[in-house]
Amino acid sequence: MSRNKDAVRLAVLKGVSYSMALRVIREAHAESPDESHHAVAVRLIEAEETRLAAVPVKTVTAMFLEPRAQ
């Protein structure tokens, strides 16, 4: 059985498991049943990409650096 490509992409962006991303898509679809699962997933992916683009790279990089010895 193949995986849902939208759920895989959302999982990578959010840093969560595939099953959690699939659950997020299903819950969002339940809130707006007039949209297809794919449309809901694309909306969630775009929102996550926008959120990630708003985080300054310097801030993210600094989270993983070792503190400097003084």
PDB file of N, CA and C in Angstrom:
ATOM      1  N   MET A   1       0.845  -1.184   0.000  1.00  0.00           N
ATOM      2  CA  MET A   1       0.000   0.000   0.000  1.00  0.00           C
ATOM      3  C   MET A   1       0.887   1.243   0.000  1.00  0.00           C
ATOM      4  N   SER A   2       0.587   2.182  -0.875  1.00  0.00           N
ATOM      5  CA  SER A   2       1.408   3.386  -0.951  1.00  0.00           C
ATOM      6  C   SER A   2       0.913   4.434   0.045  1.00  0.00           C
ATOM      7  N   ARG A   3       1.813   5.306   0.389  1.00  0.00           N
ATOM      8  CA  ARG A   3       1.483   6.361   1.341  1.00  0.00           C
ATOM      9  C   ARG A   3       0.901   7.574   0.626  1.00  0.00           C
ATOM     10  N   ASN A   4       0.101   8.316   1.356  1.00  0.00           N
ATOM     11  CA  ASN A   4      -0.474   9.558   0.858  1.00  0.00           C
ATOM     12  C   ASN A   4       0.652  10.589   0.747  1.00  0.00           C
ATOM     13  N   LYS A   5       0.911  11.070  -0.454  1.00  0.00           N
ATOM     14  CA  LYS A   5       2.032  11.984  -0.682  1.00  0.00           C
ATOM     15  C   LYS A   5       1.859  13.302   0.062  1.00  0.00           C
ATOM     16  N   ASP A   6       0.618  13.767   0.191  1.00  0.00           N
ATOM     17  CA  ASP A   6       0.370  15.003   0.929  1.00  0.00           C
ATOM     18  C   ASP A   6       0.712  14.820   2.405  1.00  0.00           C
ATOM     19  N   ALA A   7       0.339  13.682   2.961  1.00  0.00           N
ATOM     20  CA  ALA A   7       0.633  13.415   4.368  1.00  0.00           C
ATOM     21  C   ALA A   7       2.135  13.268   4.590  1.00  0.00           C
ATOM     22  N   VAL A   8       2.822  12.659   3.637  1.00  0.00           N
ATOM     23  CA  VAL A   8       4.281  12.529   3.749  1.00  0.00           C
ATOM     24  C   VAL A   8       4.918  13.917   3.759  1.00  0.00           C
ATOM     25  N   ARG A   9       4.496  14.771   2.843  1.00  0.00           N
ATOM     26  CA  ARG A   9       5.056  16.133   2.762  1.00  0.00           C
ATOM     27  C   ARG A   9       4.761  16.918   4.032  1.00  0.00           C
ATOM     28  N   LEU A  10       3.541  16.838   4.539  1.00  0.00           N
ATOM     29  CA  LEU A  10       3.177  17.547   5.758  1.00  0.00           C
ATOM     30  C   LEU A  10       3.977  17.020   6.944  1.00  0.00           C
ATOM     31  N   ALA A  11       4.182  15.716   7.014  1.00  0.00           N
ATOM     32  CA  ALA A  11       4.965  15.119   8.098  1.00  0.00           C
ATOM     33  C   ALA A  11       6.396  15.642   8.088  1.00  0.00           C
ATOM     34  N   VAL A  12       6.983  15.744   6.909  1.00  0.00           N
ATOM     35  CA  VAL A  12       8.357  16.249   6.801  1.00  0.00           C
ATOM     36  C   VAL A  12       8.423  17.709   7.242  1.00  0.00           C
ATOM     37  N   LEU A  13       7.481  18.512   6.787  1.00  0.00           N
ATOM     38  CA  LEU A  13       7.485  19.935   7.131  1.00  0.00           C
ATOM     39  C   LEU A  13       7.270  20.171   8.621  1.00  0.00           C
ATOM     40  N   LYS A  14       6.339  19.418   9.207  1.00  0.00           N
ATOM     41  CA  LYS A  14       6.019  19.606  10.617  1.00  0.00           C
ATOM     42  C   LYS A  14       6.965  18.850  11.544  1.00  0.00           C
ATOM     43  N   GLY A  15       7.696  17.893  10.998  1.00  0.00           N
ATOM     44  CA  GLY A  15       8.587  17.098  11.836  1.00  0.00           C
ATOM     45  C   GLY A  15       7.834  16.127  12.721  1.00  0.00           C
ATOM     46  N   VAL A  16       6.749  15.578  12.187  1.00  0.00           N
ATOM     47  CA  VAL A  16       5.935  14.609  12.933  1.00  0.00           C
ATOM     48  C   VAL A  16       5.872  13.309  12.142  1.00  0.00           C
ATOM     49  N   SER A  17       5.264  12.308  12.734  1.00  0.00           N
ATOM     50  CA  SER A  17       5.135  11.020  12.052  1.00  0.00           C
ATOM     51  C   SER A  17       4.093  11.110  10.937  1.00  0.00           C
ATOM     52  N   TYR A  18       4.179  10.152  10.029  1.00  0.00           N
ATOM     53  CA  TYR A  18       3.222  10.072   8.922  1.00  0.00           C
ATOM     54  C   TYR A  18       1.799   9.939   9.454  1.00  0.00           C
ATOM     55  N   SER A  19       1.612   9.077  10.447  1.00  0.00           N
ATOM     56  CA  SER A  19       0.257   8.858  10.973  1.00  0.00           C
ATOM     57  C   SER A  19      -0.301  10.119  11.632  1.00  0.00           C
ATOM     58  N   MET A  20       0.564  10.907  12.276  1.00  0.00           N
ATOM     59  CA  MET A  20       0.105  12.154  12.890  1.00  0.00           C
ATOM     60  C   MET A  20      -0.298  13.156  11.806  1.00  0.00           C
ATOM     61  N   ALA A  21       0.473  13.236  10.739  1.00  0.00           N
ATOM     62  CA  ALA A  21       0.136  14.147   9.641  1.00  0.00           C
ATOM     63  C   ALA A  21      -1.180  13.736   8.987  1.00  0.00           C
ATOM     64  N   LEU A  22      -1.371  12.440   8.808  1.00  0.00           N
ATOM     65  CA  LEU A  22      -2.614  11.941   8.236  1.00  0.00           C
ATOM     66  C   LEU A  22      -3.794  12.285   9.141  1.00  0.00           C
ATOM     67  N   ARG A  23      -3.596  12.171  10.435  1.00  0.00           N
ATOM     68  CA  ARG A  23      -4.642  12.522  11.403  1.00  0.00           C
ATOM     69  C   ARG A  23      -4.983  14.006  11.316  1.00  0.00           C
ATOM     70  N   VAL A  24      -3.969  14.854  11.192  1.00  0.00           N
ATOM     71  CA  VAL A  24      -4.191  16.298  11.080  1.00  0.00           C
ATOM     72  C   VAL A  24      -5.019  16.608   9.831  1.00  0.00           C
ATOM     73  N   ILE A  25      -4.682  15.961   8.726  1.00  0.00           N
ATOM     74  CA  ILE A  25      -5.430  16.172   7.479  1.00  0.00           C
ATOM     75  C   ILE A  25      -6.876  15.717   7.640  1.00  0.00           C
ATOM     76  N   ARG A  26      -7.083  14.559   8.243  1.00  0.00           N
ATOM     77  CA  ARG A  26      -8.450  14.044   8.431  1.00  0.00           C
ATOM     78  C   ARG A  26      -9.267  14.944   9.346  1.00  0.00           C
ATOM     79  N   GLU A  27      -8.648  15.452  10.423  1.00  0.00           N
ATOM     80  CA  GLU A  27      -9.363  16.340  11.342  1.00  0.00           C
ATOM     81  C   GLU A  27      -9.724  17.658  10.656  1.00  0.00           C
ATOM     82  N   ALA A  28      -8.803  18.184   9.858  1.00  0.00           N
ATOM     83  CA  ALA A  28      -9.087  19.423   9.129  1.00  0.00           C
ATOM     84  C   ALA A  28     -10.179  19.196   8.086  1.00  0.00           C
ATOM     85  N   HIS A  29     -10.176  18.018   7.475  1.00  0.00           N
ATOM     86  CA  HIS A  29     -11.210  17.692   6.489  1.00  0.00           C
ATOM     87  C   HIS A  29     -12.578  17.584   7.158  1.00  0.00           C
ATOM     88  N   ALA A  30     -12.618  17.073   8.369  1.00  0.00           N
ATOM     89  CA  ALA A  30     -13.884  16.956   9.092  1.00  0.00           C
ATOM     90  C   ALA A  30     -14.487  18.335   9.379  1.00  0.00           C
ATOM     91  N   GLU A  31     -13.620  19.337   9.549  1.00  0.00           N
ATOM     92  CA  GLU A  31     -14.091  20.697   9.806  1.00  0.00           C
ATOM     93  C   GLU A  31     -14.597  21.383   8.537  1.00  0.00           C
ATOM     94  N   SER A  32     -14.134  20.935   7.383  1.00  0.00           N
ATOM     95  CA  SER A  32     -14.584  21.520   6.111  1.00  0.00           C
ATOM     96  C   SER A  32     -14.829  20.400   5.102  1.00  0.00           C
ATOM     97  N   PRO A  33     -15.933  19.654   5.288  1.00  0.00           N
ATOM     98  CA  PRO A  33     -16.200  18.489   4.440  1.00  0.00           C
ATOM     99  C   PRO A  33     -16.497  18.817   2.978  1.00  0.00           C
ATOM    100  N   ASP A  34     -16.751  20.091   2.672  1.00  0.00           N
ATOM    101  CA  ASP A  34     -17.017  20.450   1.282  1.00  0.00           C
ATOM    102  C   ASP A  34     -15.742  20.454   0.434  1.00  0.00           C
ATOM    103  N   GLU A  35     -14.572  20.453   1.079  1.00  0.00           N
ATOM    104  CA  GLU A  35     -13.292  20.388   0.369  1.00  0.00           C
ATOM    105  C   GLU A  35     -12.826  18.939   0.269  1.00  0.00           C
ATOM    106  N   SER A  36     -12.059  18.638  -0.749  1.00  0.00           N
ATOM    107  CA  SER A  36     -11.487  17.291  -0.864  1.00  0.00           C
ATOM    108  C   SER A  36     -10.331  17.152   0.126  1.00  0.00           C
ATOM    109  N   HIS A  37      -9.951  15.906   0.403  1.00  0.00           N
ATOM    110  CA  HIS A  37      -8.806  15.664   1.284  1.00  0.00           C
ATOM    111  C   HIS A  37      -7.553  16.337   0.713  1.00  0.00           C
ATOM    112  N   HIS A  38      -7.391  16.252  -0.598  1.00  0.00           N
ATOM    113  CA  HIS A  38      -6.214  16.843  -1.231  1.00  0.00           C
ATOM    114  C   HIS A  38      -6.196  18.359  -1.059  1.00  0.00           C
ATOM    115  N   ALA A  39      -7.330  19.006  -1.249  1.00  0.00           N
ATOM    116  CA  ALA A  39      -7.401  20.462  -1.104  1.00  0.00           C
ATOM    117  C   ALA A  39      -7.077  20.881   0.325  1.00  0.00           C
ATOM    118  N   VAL A  40      -7.589  20.135   1.281  1.00  0.00           N
ATOM    119  CA  VAL A  40      -7.299  20.418   2.692  1.00  0.00           C
ATOM    120  C   VAL A  40      -5.810  20.241   2.958  1.00  0.00           C
ATOM    121  N   ALA A  41      -5.241  19.161   2.446  1.00  0.00           N
ATOM    122  CA  ALA A  41      -3.821  18.883   2.665  1.00  0.00           C
ATOM    123  C   ALA A  41      -2.944  19.963   2.039  1.00  0.00           C
ATOM    124  N   VAL A  42      -3.285  20.389   0.838  1.00  0.00           N
ATOM    125  CA  VAL A  42      -2.511  21.443   0.175  1.00  0.00           C
ATOM    126  C   VAL A  42      -2.574  22.727   0.987  1.00  0.00           C
ATOM    127  N   ARG A  43      -3.747  23.045   1.503  1.00  0.00           N
ATOM    128  CA  ARG A  43      -3.899  24.244   2.339  1.00  0.00           C
ATOM    129  C   ARG A  43      -3.021  24.148   3.586  1.00  0.00           C
ATOM    130  N   LEU A  44      -3.006  22.979   4.236  1.00  0.00           N
ATOM    131  CA  LEU A  44      -2.182  22.782   5.430  1.00  0.00           C
ATOM    132  C   LEU A  44      -0.687  22.855   5.102  1.00  0.00           C
ATOM    133  N   ILE A  45      -0.301  22.270   3.982  1.00  0.00           N
ATOM    134  CA  ILE A  45       1.104  22.301   3.558  1.00  0.00           C
ATOM    135  C   ILE A  45       1.543  23.736   3.278  1.00  0.00           C
ATOM    136  N   GLU A  46       0.713  24.487   2.573  1.00  0.00           N
ATOM    137  CA  GLU A  46       1.050  25.881   2.272  1.00  0.00           C
ATOM    138  C   GLU A  46       1.157  26.710   3.547  1.00  0.00           C
ATOM    139  N   ALA A  47       0.275  26.465   4.499  1.00  0.00           N
ATOM    140  CA  ALA A  47       0.328  27.189   5.768  1.00  0.00           C
ATOM    141  C   ALA A  47       1.612  26.862   6.526  1.00  0.00           C
ATOM    142  N   GLU A  48       2.001  25.606   6.517  1.00  0.00           N
ATOM    143  CA  GLU A  48       3.226  25.202   7.213  1.00  0.00           C
ATOM    144  C   GLU A  48       4.461  25.774   6.521  1.00  0.00           C
ATOM    145  N   GLU A  49       4.476  25.782   5.193  1.00  0.00           N
ATOM    146  CA  GLU A  49       5.599  26.368   4.458  1.00  0.00           C
ATOM    147  C   GLU A  49       5.710  27.862   4.738  1.00  0.00           C
ATOM    148  N   THR A  50       4.579  28.546   4.824  1.00  0.00           N
ATOM    149  CA  THR A  50       4.570  29.973   5.142  1.00  0.00           C
ATOM    150  C   THR A  50       5.090  30.209   6.543  1.00  0.00           C
ATOM    151  N   ARG A  51       4.658  29.371   7.480  1.00  0.00           N
ATOM    152  CA  ARG A  51       5.116  29.506   8.866  1.00  0.00           C
ATOM    153  C   ARG A  51       6.623  29.295   8.957  1.00  0.00           C
ATOM    154  N   LEU A  52       7.124  28.289   8.262  1.00  0.00           N
ATOM    155  CA  LEU A  52       8.557  28.007   8.296  1.00  0.00           C
ATOM    156  C   LEU A  52       9.367  29.112   7.630  1.00  0.00           C
ATOM    157  N   ALA A  53       8.822  29.717   6.600  1.00  0.00           N
ATOM    158  CA  ALA A  53       9.526  30.799   5.911  1.00  0.00           C
ATOM    159  C   ALA A  53       9.636  32.042   6.788  1.00  0.00           C
ATOM    160  N   ALA A  54       8.731  32.186   7.745  1.00  0.00           N
ATOM    161  CA  ALA A  54       8.729  33.354   8.616  1.00  0.00           C
ATOM    162  C   ALA A  54       9.768  33.253   9.731  1.00  0.00           C
ATOM    163  N   VAL A  55      10.283  32.058   9.996  1.00  0.00           N
ATOM    164  CA  VAL A  55      11.282  31.872  11.051  1.00  0.00           C
ATOM    165  C   VAL A  55      12.645  32.248  10.491  1.00  0.00           C
ATOM    166  N   PRO A  56      13.318  33.214  11.105  1.00  0.00           N
ATOM    167  CA  PRO A  56      14.643  33.593  10.606  1.00  0.00           C
ATOM    168  C   PRO A  56      15.624  32.421  10.666  1.00  0.00           C
ATOM    169  N   VAL A  57      16.394  32.244   9.622  1.00  0.00           N
ATOM    170  CA  VAL A  57      17.347  31.136   9.545  1.00  0.00           C
ATOM    171  C   VAL A  57      18.376  31.243  10.657  1.00  0.00           C
ATOM    172  N   LYS A  58      18.797  32.447  10.983  1.00  0.00           N
ATOM    173  CA  LYS A  58      19.796  32.643  12.034  1.00  0.00           C
ATOM    174  C   LYS A  58      19.283  32.099  13.365  1.00  0.00           C
ATOM    175  N   THR A  59      18.012  32.301  13.664  1.00  0.00           N
ATOM    176  CA  THR A  59      17.425  31.801  14.903  1.00  0.00           C
ATOM    177  C   THR A  59      17.426  30.284  14.925  1.00  0.00           C
ATOM    178  N   VAL A  60      17.035  29.670  13.839  1.00  0.00           N
ATOM    179  CA  VAL A  60      16.990  28.211  13.763  1.00  0.00           C
ATOM    180  C   VAL A  60      18.394  27.638  13.884  1.00  0.00           C
ATOM    181  N   THR A  61      19.347  28.230  13.192  1.00  0.00           N
ATOM    182  CA  THR A  61      20.727  27.752  13.237  1.00  0.00           C
ATOM    183  C   THR A  61      21.294  27.888  14.643  1.00  0.00           C
ATOM    184  N   ALA A  62      21.014  28.983  15.301  1.00  0.00           N
ATOM    185  CA  ALA A  62      21.539  29.222  16.644  1.00  0.00           C
ATOM    186  C   ALA A  62      21.033  28.190  17.647  1.00  0.00           C
ATOM    187  N   MET A  63      19.876  27.613  17.397  1.00  0.00           N
ATOM    188  CA  MET A  63      19.333  26.609  18.318  1.00  0.00           C
ATOM    189  C   MET A  63      20.211  25.372  18.364  1.00  0.00           C
ATOM    190  N   PHE A  64      20.975  25.113  17.316  1.00  0.00           N
ATOM    191  CA  PHE A  64      21.755  23.888  17.224  1.00  0.00           C
ATOM    192  C   PHE A  64      23.249  24.104  17.457  1.00  0.00           C
ATOM    193  N   LEU A  65      23.648  25.337  17.717  1.00  0.00           N
ATOM    194  CA  LEU A  65      25.055  25.621  17.954  1.00  0.00           C
ATOM    195  C   LEU A  65      25.419  25.364  19.410  1.00  0.00           C
ATOM    196  N   GLU A  66      26.649  24.958  19.627  1.00  0.00           N
ATOM    197  CA  GLU A  66      27.155  24.776  20.984  1.00  0.00           C
ATOM    198  C   GLU A  66      27.413  26.160  21.583  1.00  0.00           C
ATOM    199  N   PRO A  67      27.165  26.320  22.879  1.00  0.00           N
ATOM    200  CA  PRO A  67      27.477  27.612  23.501  1.00  0.00           C
ATOM    201  C   PRO A  67      28.988  27.853  23.469  1.00  0.00           C
ATOM    202  N   ARG A  68      29.357  29.088  23.278  1.00  0.00           N
ATOM    203  CA  ARG A  68      30.777  29.440  23.212  1.00  0.00           C
ATOM    204  C   ARG A  68      31.384  29.467  24.613  1.00  0.00           C
ATOM    205  N   ALA A  69      32.590  28.947  24.727  1.00  0.00           N
ATOM    206  CA  ALA A  69      33.321  29.007  25.997  1.00  0.00           C
ATOM    207  C   ALA A  69      33.915  30.396  26.145  1.00  0.00           C
ATOM    208  N   GLN A  70      33.797  30.944  27.345  1.00  0.00           N
ATOM    209  CA  GLN A  70      34.315  32.302  27.553  1.00  0.00           C
ATOM    210  C   GLN A  70      35.403  32.322  28.571  1.00  0.00           C
TER     211      GLN A  70
END
